[in-house]
N, C-alpha and C. Protein backbone atom coordinates (compact mmCIF):
# COMPACT_ATOMS: atom_id res chain seq x y z
N PHE A 1 -2.73 16.06 -9.43
CA PHE A 1 -2.59 15.13 -8.57
C PHE A 1 -1.89 14.09 -9.50
N ARG A 2 -1.82 13.67 -10.29
CA ARG A 2 -1.36 13.10 -11.30
C ARG A 2 -1.09 13.29 -12.66
N ALA A 3 0.08 13.87 -13.41
CA ALA A 3 -0.18 13.90 -14.94
C ALA A 3 0.26 12.79 -15.73
N PRO A 4 -0.33 12.64 -16.79
CA PRO A 4 0.00 11.11 -17.22
C PRO A 4 1.34 11.43 -18.35
N ASN A 5 1.97 9.74 -18.41
CA ASN A 5 2.88 9.60 -17.98
C ASN A 5 3.53 9.21 -19.69
N ASP A 6 4.45 8.78 -19.76
CA ASP A 6 5.02 9.44 -21.73
C ASP A 6 4.72 7.81 -22.25
N TYR A 7 4.50 7.32 -20.94
CA TYR A 7 3.55 5.49 -21.79
C TYR A 7 2.02 5.31 -22.66
N GLU A 8 1.72 6.29 -21.25
CA GLU A 8 -0.01 6.35 -20.74
C GLU A 8 -0.22 7.34 -22.84
N MET A 9 0.64 8.56 -22.29
CA MET A 9 0.53 8.99 -24.05
C MET A 9 0.87 8.81 -25.29
N PHE A 10 1.83 8.09 -25.22
CA PHE A 10 2.82 8.26 -26.83
C PHE A 10 2.90 6.60 -27.08
N TYR A 11 2.76 5.74 -26.23
CA TYR A 11 3.08 3.88 -26.55
C TYR A 11 1.71 4.20 -27.76
N ALA A 12 2.46 3.11 -28.73
CA ALA A 12 1.68 2.59 -29.69
C ALA A 12 2.26 1.14 -30.26
N TYR A 13 1.45 0.20 -30.83
CA TYR A 13 1.50 -0.53 -30.62
C TYR A 13 0.56 -1.60 -31.59
N ASN A 14 0.59 -2.17 -32.41
CA ASN A 14 -0.25 -2.95 -33.25
C ASN A 14 -1.78 -2.59 -32.82
N THR A 15 -2.82 -3.02 -32.18
CA THR A 15 -4.25 -3.14 -31.47
C THR A 15 -4.43 -1.47 -30.40
N GLN A 16 -3.04 -1.06 -30.15
CA GLN A 16 -2.94 -0.06 -29.42
C GLN A 16 -2.75 1.41 -29.45
N SER A 17 -3.38 2.34 -30.17
CA SER A 17 -2.97 3.70 -30.09
C SER A 17 -2.63 5.05 -29.15
N PRO A 18 -1.82 5.85 -29.39
CA PRO A 18 -1.54 6.68 -28.59
C PRO A 18 -2.59 7.67 -28.38
N ASN A 19 -2.45 8.22 -27.21
CA ASN A 19 -3.61 9.66 -27.13
C ASN A 19 -2.47 11.05 -26.04
N PRO A 20 -1.97 11.76 -26.92
CA PRO A 20 -1.58 12.58 -26.26
C PRO A 20 -1.97 13.61 -26.18
N ASP A 21 -3.43 14.16 -26.02
CA ASP A 21 -4.61 14.64 -25.61
C ASP A 21 -5.16 14.61 -23.70
N LEU A 22 -4.37 13.42 -23.38
CA LEU A 22 -4.59 12.78 -22.15
C LEU A 22 -4.75 14.46 -20.93
N LYS A 23 -5.32 14.61 -20.27
CA LYS A 23 -5.42 15.55 -19.00
C LYS A 23 -4.67 14.43 -17.85
N PRO A 24 -4.61 15.48 -17.02
CA PRO A 24 -3.84 14.64 -15.15
C PRO A 24 -5.08 14.50 -14.48
N GLU A 25 -4.64 13.42 -13.88
CA GLU A 25 -6.04 13.37 -12.92
C GLU A 25 -6.15 14.06 -11.59
N LYS A 26 -6.89 14.41 -11.49
CA LYS A 26 -7.25 15.77 -10.30
C LYS A 26 -8.00 14.64 -9.05
N ILE A 27 -8.20 15.18 -7.51
CA ILE A 27 -8.50 14.43 -6.65
C ILE A 27 -8.17 15.80 -5.49
N ARG A 28 -9.77 15.52 -5.34
CA ARG A 28 -10.20 16.90 -3.48
C ARG A 28 -10.82 15.57 -2.77
N THR A 29 -9.47 16.09 -1.58
CA THR A 29 -10.32 15.01 -0.36
C THR A 29 -10.35 16.07 1.38
N ALA A 30 -11.08 15.35 1.84
CA ALA A 30 -11.35 16.48 3.37
C ALA A 30 -10.97 14.94 4.12
N GLU A 31 -10.61 15.01 5.26
CA GLU A 31 -10.25 14.62 6.35
C GLU A 31 -10.27 15.32 7.65
N VAL A 32 -10.96 14.30 8.62
CA VAL A 32 -11.01 14.88 10.25
C VAL A 32 -10.48 14.18 11.36
N VAL A 33 -9.81 14.46 12.15
CA VAL A 33 -8.47 13.52 12.53
C VAL A 33 -8.50 13.99 14.20
N TYR A 34 -9.04 12.93 14.96
CA TYR A 34 -9.50 13.30 16.31
C TYR A 34 -8.04 12.17 16.87
N GLU A 35 -7.44 13.01 17.81
CA GLU A 35 -6.41 12.70 18.89
C GLU A 35 -6.51 13.07 20.33
N GLN A 36 -5.77 11.67 21.06
CA GLN A 36 -6.58 11.95 21.98
C GLN A 36 -5.03 10.78 23.29
N TYR A 37 -4.91 11.67 23.26
CA TYR A 37 -3.44 10.91 24.86
C TYR A 37 -4.15 10.12 26.05
N LEU A 38 -3.79 9.18 26.69
CA LEU A 38 -4.21 8.29 27.07
C LEU A 38 -3.48 7.41 28.53
N GLY A 39 -2.99 8.31 29.35
CA GLY A 39 -2.29 8.35 29.88
C GLY A 39 -0.70 8.79 29.21
N ASP A 40 0.18 8.55 30.11
CA ASP A 40 1.59 8.94 30.06
C ASP A 40 2.30 8.21 28.17
N HIS A 41 1.90 7.11 27.89
CA HIS A 41 2.52 5.83 27.43
C HIS A 41 1.24 6.02 26.24
N LEU A 42 0.27 6.27 26.03
CA LEU A 42 -0.54 5.59 24.70
C LEU A 42 -1.11 6.82 24.38
N ARG A 43 -1.40 6.38 22.74
CA ARG A 43 -2.27 7.78 22.11
C ARG A 43 -2.67 7.11 20.94
N ALA A 44 -4.31 7.57 21.21
CA ALA A 44 -5.15 7.13 19.92
C ALA A 44 -5.28 8.29 19.02
N SER A 45 -6.19 7.68 18.30
CA SER A 45 -6.38 8.77 16.90
C SER A 45 -7.80 7.70 15.81
N ALA A 46 -8.55 8.78 15.58
CA ALA A 46 -9.38 8.07 14.64
C ALA A 46 -9.67 9.39 14.01
N SER A 47 -10.20 8.82 12.20
CA SER A 47 -10.00 9.89 11.36
C SER A 47 -10.74 9.17 10.79
N VAL A 48 -11.80 10.17 10.26
CA VAL A 48 -12.38 9.59 8.69
C VAL A 48 -12.12 10.89 7.45
N TYR A 49 -12.81 9.97 6.18
CA TYR A 49 -12.40 10.65 5.23
C TYR A 49 -12.59 10.19 3.99
N TYR A 50 -12.48 11.75 3.10
CA TYR A 50 -13.67 10.81 2.17
C TYR A 50 -12.67 12.09 0.57
N TYR A 51 -12.37 11.10 -0.50
CA TYR A 51 -11.84 11.78 -1.48
C TYR A 51 -12.36 11.24 -2.62
N LYS A 52 -11.79 12.47 -4.37
CA LYS A 52 -13.06 12.00 -5.29
C LYS A 52 -11.86 12.41 -6.03
N VAL A 53 -11.71 11.25 -7.11
CA VAL A 53 -10.78 11.79 -8.56
C VAL A 53 -11.79 12.21 -9.78
N ASN A 54 -11.24 13.14 -10.09
CA ASN A 54 -11.73 12.90 -11.65
C ASN A 54 -10.31 13.21 -12.68
N ASN A 55 -11.06 12.27 -13.90
CA ASN A 55 -10.08 12.00 -15.22
C ASN A 55 -9.66 11.23 -14.69
N LEU A 56 -9.97 9.87 -14.09
CA LEU A 56 -8.69 8.68 -13.65
C LEU A 56 -8.41 8.38 -15.10
N ILE A 57 -7.29 7.77 -15.00
CA ILE A 57 -6.47 7.55 -16.44
C ILE A 57 -6.72 5.71 -16.71
N ASN A 58 -7.98 4.97 -17.84
CA ASN A 58 -7.71 3.86 -17.79
C ASN A 58 -7.89 3.30 -19.06
N TYR A 59 -8.07 2.37 -19.24
CA TYR A 59 -7.65 2.12 -20.71
C TYR A 59 -9.52 1.64 -21.19
N GLY A 60 -9.46 2.21 -22.53
CA GLY A 60 -10.86 2.39 -23.46
C GLY A 60 -10.33 2.10 -24.41
N THR A 61 -11.63 2.61 -25.28
CA THR A 61 -11.47 2.01 -26.82
C THR A 61 -11.44 3.31 -27.88
N ASP A 62 -11.01 3.56 -28.84
CA ASP A 62 -10.79 4.78 -29.62
C ASP A 62 -11.72 4.44 -31.00
N ALA A 63 -11.84 5.40 -31.73
CA ALA A 63 -13.17 5.90 -32.62
C ALA A 63 -12.47 3.70 -33.76
N ILE A 64 -11.54 3.36 -33.68
CA ILE A 64 -11.64 2.39 -34.72
C ILE A 64 -11.47 1.52 -33.92
N GLY A 65 -11.36 1.37 -32.41
CA GLY A 65 -12.04 -0.48 -31.92
C GLY A 65 -10.61 -0.62 -31.07
N ASN A 66 -9.06 0.36 -31.30
CA ASN A 66 -8.23 0.05 -30.85
C ASN A 66 -7.97 0.45 -29.02
N THR A 67 -7.36 -0.29 -28.55
CA THR A 67 -7.27 0.23 -26.72
C THR A 67 -6.29 1.47 -26.97
N GLN A 68 -7.00 2.11 -25.71
CA GLN A 68 -6.04 3.67 -25.70
C GLN A 68 -6.04 3.72 -24.46
N PHE A 69 -5.57 4.70 -23.76
CA PHE A 69 -5.51 5.09 -22.15
C PHE A 69 -6.37 6.83 -22.34
N GLN A 70 -7.88 6.74 -21.55
CA GLN A 70 -8.48 7.48 -22.08
C GLN A 70 -8.70 8.22 -20.31
N ASN A 71 -9.08 9.49 -20.22
CA ASN A 71 -9.89 10.00 -19.13
C ASN A 71 -11.40 9.61 -18.83
N ILE A 72 -11.73 8.37 -18.17
CA ILE A 72 -12.79 7.88 -18.52
C ILE A 72 -13.69 7.63 -17.44
N SER A 73 -12.29 7.45 -15.96
CA SER A 73 -13.55 7.05 -14.73
C SER A 73 -13.29 8.47 -13.94
N GLU A 74 -14.46 8.56 -13.07
CA GLU A 74 -14.75 9.26 -11.45
C GLU A 74 -14.68 7.87 -10.58
N VAL A 75 -14.12 8.61 -9.92
CA VAL A 75 -13.97 7.99 -8.26
C VAL A 75 -14.14 8.87 -7.32
N TYR A 76 -14.83 7.93 -6.53
CA TYR A 76 -14.52 8.06 -4.83
C TYR A 76 -14.32 6.79 -3.85
N ALA A 77 -14.66 8.00 -2.64
CA ALA A 77 -13.37 6.75 -1.56
C ALA A 77 -14.26 7.28 -0.42
N LYS A 78 -14.89 6.80 0.61
CA LYS A 78 -14.80 7.23 2.13
C LYS A 78 -14.67 6.08 2.15
N GLY A 79 -14.00 6.47 3.96
CA GLY A 79 -13.13 5.00 5.46
C GLY A 79 -12.78 5.83 6.65
N SER A 80 -12.19 5.57 7.52
CA SER A 80 -12.18 5.26 8.72
C SER A 80 -10.89 4.92 9.28
N GLU A 81 -10.29 5.78 9.56
CA GLU A 81 -8.84 4.50 10.52
C GLU A 81 -8.82 4.92 12.00
N LEU A 82 -8.62 3.83 13.23
CA LEU A 82 -8.31 3.80 13.99
C LEU A 82 -6.80 3.38 14.39
N GLU A 83 -6.34 4.26 14.99
CA GLU A 83 -4.94 3.59 15.59
C GLU A 83 -4.07 4.27 16.77
N LEU A 84 -3.45 3.44 17.33
CA LEU A 84 -3.01 3.36 18.82
C LEU A 84 -1.75 3.25 18.77
N ASP A 85 -0.93 4.07 19.64
CA ASP A 85 1.02 3.90 19.44
C ASP A 85 1.08 4.00 21.11
N GLY A 86 2.00 3.18 21.43
CA GLY A 86 2.33 2.90 22.85
C GLY A 86 4.45 3.13 23.15
N LYS A 87 4.62 4.14 23.89
CA LYS A 87 5.76 3.78 23.94
C LYS A 87 6.01 4.27 25.09
N TRP A 88 7.11 3.64 25.81
CA TRP A 88 8.12 3.71 27.31
C TRP A 88 8.76 3.79 27.58
N ALA A 89 9.07 4.32 28.74
CA ALA A 89 10.96 4.73 29.26
C ALA A 89 11.61 3.87 28.33
N ASN A 90 11.66 2.59 28.91
CA ASN A 90 12.40 1.26 28.42
C ASN A 90 12.76 1.30 26.73
N GLY A 91 12.00 2.11 26.49
CA GLY A 91 12.55 1.23 24.56
C GLY A 91 11.47 0.91 23.57
N LEU A 92 10.53 0.74 25.39
CA LEU A 92 9.40 -0.60 24.08
C LEU A 92 8.74 0.48 23.59
N GLU A 93 8.17 -0.19 22.00
CA GLU A 93 7.00 1.00 21.36
C GLU A 93 6.18 -0.20 20.69
N ALA A 94 4.84 -0.14 20.61
CA ALA A 94 3.79 -0.84 19.92
C ALA A 94 3.33 0.52 19.12
N ARG A 95 2.17 -0.72 17.75
CA ARG A 95 1.38 0.68 17.04
C ARG A 95 0.22 -1.22 16.75
N LEU A 96 -0.60 -0.18 16.63
CA LEU A 96 -2.12 -1.23 15.94
C LEU A 96 -2.49 0.33 14.84
N SER A 97 -3.29 -0.51 13.93
CA SER A 97 -4.21 0.25 13.38
C SER A 97 -4.89 -0.43 12.40
N TYR A 98 -6.15 0.02 12.36
CA TYR A 98 -7.41 -0.43 11.20
C TYR A 98 -7.29 0.52 10.27
N THR A 99 -7.52 0.04 9.20
CA THR A 99 -9.05 1.22 8.05
C THR A 99 -9.57 0.10 7.43
N VAL A 100 -11.21 0.82 7.32
CA VAL A 100 -12.10 0.20 6.69
C VAL A 100 -12.09 1.77 5.62
N GLN A 101 -12.35 0.71 4.22
CA GLN A 101 -13.14 1.95 3.22
C GLN A 101 -13.45 1.15 2.20
N ARG A 102 -14.43 2.30 1.11
CA ARG A 102 -15.25 1.57 -0.09
C ARG A 102 -14.47 2.84 -1.13
N THR A 103 -14.63 2.25 -1.50
CA THR A 103 -14.25 2.69 -2.92
C THR A 103 -14.89 2.61 -4.44
N LYS A 104 -15.42 3.57 -5.08
CA LYS A 104 -16.07 3.17 -6.65
C LYS A 104 -16.03 3.96 -7.71
N ASP A 105 -16.09 3.02 -8.69
CA ASP A 105 -16.46 4.34 -10.24
C ASP A 105 -17.66 4.71 -9.94
N GLU A 106 -18.12 6.30 -10.08
CA GLU A 106 -19.44 6.94 -10.32
C GLU A 106 -19.98 6.94 -10.98
N ILE A 107 -19.21 5.99 -12.13
CA ILE A 107 -19.92 5.84 -13.64
C ILE A 107 -20.57 4.68 -13.26
N THR A 108 -19.65 3.52 -13.23
CA THR A 108 -20.20 2.60 -13.49
C THR A 108 -21.09 1.87 -12.01
N GLY A 109 -20.54 2.15 -10.82
CA GLY A 109 -20.96 2.04 -9.83
C GLY A 109 -20.31 0.70 -8.88
N GLU A 110 -19.33 0.19 -9.80
CA GLU A 110 -18.57 -1.47 -9.14
C GLU A 110 -16.83 -0.78 -8.76
N PRO A 111 -17.04 -1.00 -7.71
CA PRO A 111 -15.45 -0.93 -6.58
C PRO A 111 -14.55 -0.99 -7.88
N ILE A 112 -13.87 0.03 -7.42
CA ILE A 112 -12.55 -0.51 -8.13
C ILE A 112 -11.02 -1.15 -7.61
N THR A 113 -10.77 -1.27 -8.58
CA THR A 113 -9.81 -3.14 -8.73
C THR A 113 -9.30 -2.54 -7.75
N ASN A 114 -8.29 -3.25 -7.24
CA ASN A 114 -6.32 -3.36 -6.40
C ASN A 114 -7.07 -2.57 -4.78
N SER A 115 -8.16 -2.40 -4.67
CA SER A 115 -8.38 -1.33 -3.74
C SER A 115 -8.79 -2.50 -2.60
N PRO A 116 -8.10 -2.92 -1.66
CA PRO A 116 -8.49 -3.39 -0.28
C PRO A 116 -10.12 -2.82 0.47
N ALA A 117 -10.93 -3.56 0.86
CA ALA A 117 -12.20 -2.80 2.17
C ALA A 117 -11.70 -2.25 3.36
N GLN A 118 -10.43 -3.23 3.55
CA GLN A 118 -9.59 -3.56 5.28
C GLN A 118 -8.34 -3.95 5.74
N THR A 119 -7.70 -2.74 5.89
CA THR A 119 -5.93 -3.46 6.15
C THR A 119 -6.15 -2.99 7.87
N ALA A 120 -5.07 -3.43 7.97
CA ALA A 120 -4.39 -3.88 9.28
C ALA A 120 -3.03 -3.69 9.41
N LYS A 121 -2.08 -3.33 10.30
CA LYS A 121 -1.24 -3.30 11.17
C LYS A 121 -0.73 -3.14 12.84
N ALA A 122 0.14 -4.28 12.63
CA ALA A 122 0.50 -3.88 14.21
C ALA A 122 2.09 -4.48 14.33
N GLY A 123 2.60 -3.49 15.03
CA GLY A 123 4.19 -3.90 14.87
C GLY A 123 4.69 -3.50 16.44
N LEU A 124 5.80 -3.88 16.71
CA LEU A 124 5.82 -3.75 18.35
C LEU A 124 8.01 -4.00 18.13
N LEU A 125 8.24 -2.81 18.89
CA LEU A 125 9.43 -2.98 19.64
C LEU A 125 10.08 -3.28 20.37
N ILE A 126 10.79 -3.99 20.49
CA ILE A 126 11.34 -4.40 22.22
C ILE A 126 13.18 -4.79 22.46
N PRO A 127 13.70 -3.50 23.05
CA PRO A 127 14.81 -3.29 22.97
C PRO A 127 15.43 -4.11 24.40
N PHE A 128 16.83 -4.58 23.93
CA PHE A 128 17.90 -5.38 24.78
C PHE A 128 18.40 -5.16 24.99
N LEU A 129 19.66 -5.02 26.23
CA LEU A 129 21.22 -4.77 26.45
C LEU A 129 21.20 -3.14 26.06
N LYS A 130 20.32 -3.09 27.46
CA LYS A 130 20.45 -1.42 27.66
C LYS A 130 19.82 -0.66 25.91
N GLN A 131 19.29 -0.80 25.20
CA GLN A 131 18.84 -0.56 23.93
C GLN A 131 19.44 -0.73 22.96
N LYS A 132 20.78 -1.41 23.42
CA LYS A 132 21.63 -1.15 21.41
C LYS A 132 21.27 -2.67 20.90
N LEU A 133 20.52 -3.32 21.12
CA LEU A 133 20.02 -4.28 20.15
C LEU A 133 18.50 -4.15 20.59
N VAL A 134 17.57 -4.21 19.45
CA VAL A 134 16.51 -3.79 19.27
C VAL A 134 15.46 -5.09 18.46
N ALA A 135 14.57 -5.72 18.74
CA ALA A 135 13.80 -6.62 18.31
C ALA A 135 12.64 -6.57 17.25
N GLY A 136 12.47 -6.51 16.16
CA GLY A 136 11.02 -5.74 16.28
C GLY A 136 10.46 -6.52 15.21
N ILE A 137 8.84 -7.00 15.28
CA ILE A 137 8.10 -7.60 14.61
C ILE A 137 6.93 -6.54 14.07
N GLU A 138 6.15 -6.67 12.86
CA GLU A 138 5.75 -6.64 12.08
C GLU A 138 4.76 -7.27 11.10
N GLU A 139 2.92 -7.32 11.44
CA GLU A 139 2.52 -8.00 11.26
C GLU A 139 1.13 -7.05 10.33
N GLN A 140 1.06 -7.40 8.97
CA GLN A 140 0.29 -6.83 8.34
C GLN A 140 -0.71 -7.65 7.68
N TYR A 141 -1.81 -6.96 7.27
CA TYR A 141 -2.98 -7.55 6.71
C TYR A 141 -3.91 -7.03 5.64
N LEU A 142 -4.04 -7.81 4.74
CA LEU A 142 -4.61 -7.17 3.63
C LEU A 142 -5.68 -7.49 3.00
N ASP A 143 -6.88 -6.89 2.72
CA ASP A 143 -8.50 -7.33 2.65
C ASP A 143 -8.09 -7.76 0.85
N ARG A 144 -9.01 -9.23 0.57
CA ARG A 144 -8.66 -9.32 -0.88
C ARG A 144 -9.60 -8.10 -2.32
N ARG A 145 -9.06 -8.32 -2.88
CA ARG A 145 -8.68 -7.29 -4.19
C ARG A 145 -9.57 -7.68 -5.27
N ARG A 146 -10.37 -6.68 -5.81
CA ARG A 146 -10.63 -7.17 -6.93
C ARG A 146 -10.10 -6.67 -8.59
N THR A 147 -9.55 -7.52 -9.66
CA THR A 147 -8.63 -7.27 -10.23
C THR A 147 -9.31 -6.75 -11.62
N ASP A 148 -8.94 -6.53 -12.96
CA ASP A 148 -9.41 -6.04 -13.65
C ASP A 148 -10.31 -5.82 -14.73
N ASN A 149 -9.76 -7.95 -14.42
CA ASN A 149 -10.96 -9.08 -15.48
C ASN A 149 -11.61 -9.15 -14.52
N GLY A 150 -11.87 -8.66 -13.21
CA GLY A 150 -13.27 -9.45 -12.22
C GLY A 150 -12.93 -10.35 -11.41
N ASN A 151 -11.75 -11.02 -11.41
CA ASN A 151 -10.87 -11.56 -10.13
C ASN A 151 -10.89 -11.10 -9.01
N MET A 152 -10.48 -11.77 -8.14
CA MET A 152 -10.71 -11.90 -6.94
C MET A 152 -8.83 -12.34 -6.70
N ALA A 153 -8.01 -11.68 -5.69
CA ALA A 153 -6.60 -11.79 -5.03
C ALA A 153 -7.36 -12.17 -3.48
N SER A 154 -6.49 -13.12 -2.89
CA SER A 154 -7.18 -13.36 -1.98
C SER A 154 -6.31 -12.70 -0.87
N SER A 155 -7.14 -12.43 0.29
CA SER A 155 -6.40 -11.51 1.13
C SER A 155 -5.53 -12.06 1.71
N TYR A 156 -4.12 -11.52 2.96
CA TYR A 156 -3.02 -12.81 3.28
C TYR A 156 -3.19 -11.73 4.33
N PHE A 157 -2.24 -12.61 5.53
CA PHE A 157 -1.99 -11.81 6.72
C PHE A 157 -0.15 -12.05 6.19
N VAL A 158 0.97 -10.86 6.58
CA VAL A 158 2.40 -11.36 6.07
C VAL A 158 3.16 -11.23 7.77
N THR A 159 4.45 -10.98 7.97
CA THR A 159 4.60 -11.25 8.93
C THR A 159 6.37 -11.21 8.82
N ASN A 160 6.70 -9.90 9.53
CA ASN A 160 7.73 -9.50 9.38
C ASN A 160 9.15 -8.70 10.24
N LEU A 161 10.55 -9.88 10.17
CA LEU A 161 11.10 -9.85 11.69
C LEU A 161 12.27 -9.06 11.32
N THR A 162 12.71 -8.30 12.43
CA THR A 162 13.94 -7.49 12.20
C THR A 162 14.77 -7.58 13.28
N LEU A 163 15.85 -7.35 13.86
CA LEU A 163 16.77 -7.06 14.85
C LEU A 163 17.66 -6.42 14.27
N PHE A 164 18.68 -5.72 14.93
CA PHE A 164 18.47 -4.36 14.44
C PHE A 164 19.42 -4.07 16.13
N ALA A 165 21.27 -4.21 16.00
CA ALA A 165 22.37 -3.90 16.52
C ALA A 165 22.98 -2.49 16.22
N HIS A 166 22.60 -1.48 17.66
CA HIS A 166 23.16 -0.01 17.50
C HIS A 166 24.83 0.16 18.17
N GLY A 167 25.65 0.36 17.58
CA GLY A 167 27.22 0.57 17.94
C GLY A 167 27.92 -1.11 18.29
N LEU A 168 27.25 -1.88 17.44
CA LEU A 168 28.10 -3.43 17.09
C LEU A 168 29.67 -3.25 17.32
N LEU A 169 30.06 -2.46 16.52
CA LEU A 169 31.16 -1.91 16.62
C LEU A 169 31.55 -0.64 17.02
N PRO A 170 32.63 0.29 16.98
CA PRO A 170 32.69 1.94 16.85
C PRO A 170 31.82 2.17 15.23
N ARG A 171 31.25 2.93 15.47
CA ARG A 171 30.46 3.51 14.38
C ARG A 171 30.33 2.41 13.46
N LEU A 172 29.74 1.49 14.08
CA LEU A 172 29.20 0.81 12.90
C LEU A 172 27.84 0.00 13.28
N ASP A 173 27.41 -0.22 13.04
CA ASP A 173 25.24 -0.67 13.15
C ASP A 173 25.09 -2.30 12.21
N ALA A 174 23.83 -3.04 12.84
CA ALA A 174 24.23 -3.87 12.09
C ALA A 174 22.81 -4.10 11.83
N SER A 175 21.92 -4.71 10.92
CA SER A 175 20.25 -5.39 11.28
C SER A 175 20.27 -6.46 9.86
N ALA A 176 19.19 -7.44 10.63
CA ALA A 176 19.11 -8.45 9.74
C ALA A 176 17.79 -8.50 9.70
N SER A 177 17.02 -8.79 8.85
CA SER A 177 15.52 -8.76 8.59
C SER A 177 15.38 -10.26 7.92
N VAL A 178 13.97 -10.71 8.43
CA VAL A 178 13.29 -11.85 7.40
C VAL A 178 12.08 -11.14 7.02
N TYR A 179 11.70 -11.29 5.54
CA TYR A 179 10.40 -10.49 4.99
C TYR A 179 9.47 -11.94 4.75
N ASN A 180 8.11 -11.86 5.76
CA ASN A 180 7.31 -12.88 4.84
C ASN A 180 7.99 -13.93 5.61
N LEU A 181 7.74 -14.04 6.82
CA LEU A 181 8.47 -14.69 7.52
C LEU A 181 7.69 -15.84 7.29
N PHE A 182 6.21 -16.37 7.68
CA PHE A 182 6.23 -17.77 7.55
C PHE A 182 5.76 -18.77 5.83
N ASP A 183 6.30 -17.38 4.80
CA ASP A 183 6.38 -18.15 3.77
C ASP A 183 5.15 -18.08 3.20
N LYS A 184 4.35 -16.86 3.61
CA LYS A 184 2.92 -16.95 2.86
C LYS A 184 3.09 -17.16 1.36
N GLU A 185 2.55 -17.54 0.59
CA GLU A 185 1.72 -17.20 -1.22
C GLU A 185 0.78 -16.52 -0.89
N TYR A 186 0.87 -15.13 -1.52
CA TYR A 186 -0.03 -14.41 -1.91
C TYR A 186 0.27 -13.70 -3.18
N ARG A 187 -1.01 -12.92 -4.30
CA ARG A 187 -0.27 -12.37 -4.80
C ARG A 187 -1.64 -11.49 -5.34
N ASP A 188 -0.56 -9.97 -6.61
CA ASP A 188 -0.90 -8.98 -6.12
C ASP A 188 -1.70 -8.35 -7.54
N PRO A 189 -2.78 -7.82 -7.76
CA PRO A 189 -3.51 -7.50 -8.94
C PRO A 189 -2.59 -6.60 -9.76
N VAL A 190 -2.47 -6.83 -11.37
CA VAL A 190 -1.51 -6.07 -11.86
C VAL A 190 -2.73 -5.37 -13.10
N SER A 191 -2.12 -4.32 -13.95
CA SER A 191 -2.87 -3.42 -14.84
C SER A 191 -2.75 -4.40 -16.05
N PHE A 192 -4.40 -4.64 -16.63
CA PHE A 192 -4.85 -6.48 -17.06
C PHE A 192 -4.78 -5.57 -18.50
N GLN A 193 -3.80 -6.38 -19.90
CA GLN A 193 -4.43 -5.24 -21.35
C GLN A 193 -4.46 -6.84 -21.82
N ASP A 194 -5.72 -6.80 -23.02
CA ASP A 194 -5.74 -7.95 -23.73
C ASP A 194 -4.75 -8.92 -23.99
N GLN A 195 -3.87 -8.14 -24.49
CA GLN A 195 -2.56 -9.20 -24.46
C GLN A 195 -1.85 -9.75 -23.78
N GLN A 196 -2.01 -9.76 -22.86
CA GLN A 196 -1.51 -10.21 -21.30
C GLN A 196 -2.22 -11.12 -20.27
N PRO A 197 -1.81 -12.32 -20.15
CA PRO A 197 -2.65 -13.45 -19.64
C PRO A 197 -2.81 -13.34 -18.34
N LEU A 198 -2.08 -12.26 -17.88
CA LEU A 198 -1.86 -12.57 -16.11
C LEU A 198 -2.46 -11.38 -15.67
N ASP A 199 -3.09 -11.24 -14.78
CA ASP A 199 -4.07 -10.09 -14.05
C ASP A 199 -3.86 -10.48 -12.49
N MET A 200 -2.41 -11.37 -11.88
CA MET A 200 -2.28 -11.00 -10.68
C MET A 200 -0.76 -11.91 -10.54
N VAL A 201 0.46 -11.29 -10.26
CA VAL A 201 1.20 -12.21 -9.78
C VAL A 201 1.87 -11.98 -8.45
N ARG A 202 2.57 -13.50 -8.70
CA ARG A 202 2.70 -14.06 -7.27
C ARG A 202 3.56 -12.74 -6.62
N GLN A 203 3.96 -13.08 -5.66
CA GLN A 203 4.96 -11.95 -4.39
C GLN A 203 6.10 -13.26 -3.62
N ASP A 204 6.63 -12.22 -3.30
CA ASP A 204 8.15 -12.93 -2.94
C ASP A 204 7.62 -13.56 -1.72
N GLY A 205 8.31 -14.63 -1.44
CA GLY A 205 7.80 -15.34 -0.44
C GLY A 205 8.96 -14.98 0.65
N ARG A 206 9.48 -16.11 1.31
CA ARG A 206 10.67 -15.80 2.85
C ARG A 206 11.54 -14.90 2.17
N THR A 207 11.94 -13.78 2.17
CA THR A 207 12.90 -13.10 1.86
C THR A 207 13.70 -12.72 3.41
N PHE A 208 15.67 -13.02 2.79
CA PHE A 208 16.32 -12.27 3.94
C PHE A 208 17.33 -10.81 3.74
N ARG A 209 17.55 -10.63 4.64
CA ARG A 209 18.60 -8.78 4.09
C ARG A 209 19.02 -8.86 5.34
N VAL A 210 20.70 -8.73 5.04
CA VAL A 210 21.25 -8.60 5.90
C VAL A 210 22.08 -6.85 5.79
N LYS A 211 22.27 -5.95 6.61
CA LYS A 211 22.69 -4.54 6.27
C LYS A 211 23.66 -4.29 7.56
N LEU A 212 24.73 -3.75 6.71
CA LEU A 212 25.89 -3.09 7.50
C LEU A 212 26.05 -1.31 7.40
N THR A 213 26.36 -0.70 8.08
CA THR A 213 26.23 0.81 7.90
C THR A 213 27.33 1.43 9.19
N TYR A 214 28.39 1.46 8.28
CA TYR A 214 29.34 2.05 8.93
C TYR A 214 29.18 3.88 8.63
N ALA A 215 29.42 4.41 10.12
CA ALA A 215 29.59 5.89 9.72
C ALA A 215 30.94 6.48 10.50
N PHE A 216 31.70 8.05 8.72
CA PHE A 216 32.11 7.99 8.88
C PHE A 216 33.00 9.04 9.78
């Protein structure tokens, strides 16, 4: 599933010891999916899943009390996802999805850090001018998440907006996007270390991007 990287195996500094004997993380997964078309334009799907991770790499303490990356955790997760997609002949597209999951450390019984219990996404593509101009709006929801030192990162909604023009000029496409349209302030958990005072980092506010693509 994931081999340890050089930082986890060999980094050493003051109170942190290397661990060249780290084993790869391993995962076993099982999933059942049901799909159903609803008329000519809608497709619905529902899934349930379960996975278990062994030898999860996390911070531990070695024999002399130094911080060290070790294979110390076993994690399991179970959840379900619902999704609805729609496509129409005029180019209109819509998508809605919702996921609920539970993740726990099998050794401690505690919820896993940076693992939201609920996520949701909604998207809509609206064509104009014979589908040469497309407006897209996306809404994302992320539930609150536990940080490494026990704090909670708040849940949030983020809205993204994109306008795409196909064939603006011969061989030239253009798009303009606004991410985090309403300038929502939110933070994501980060890996916490004793010498690091922060366990959450503020993410970007409203961000703009303009893109031109020319085909030769």
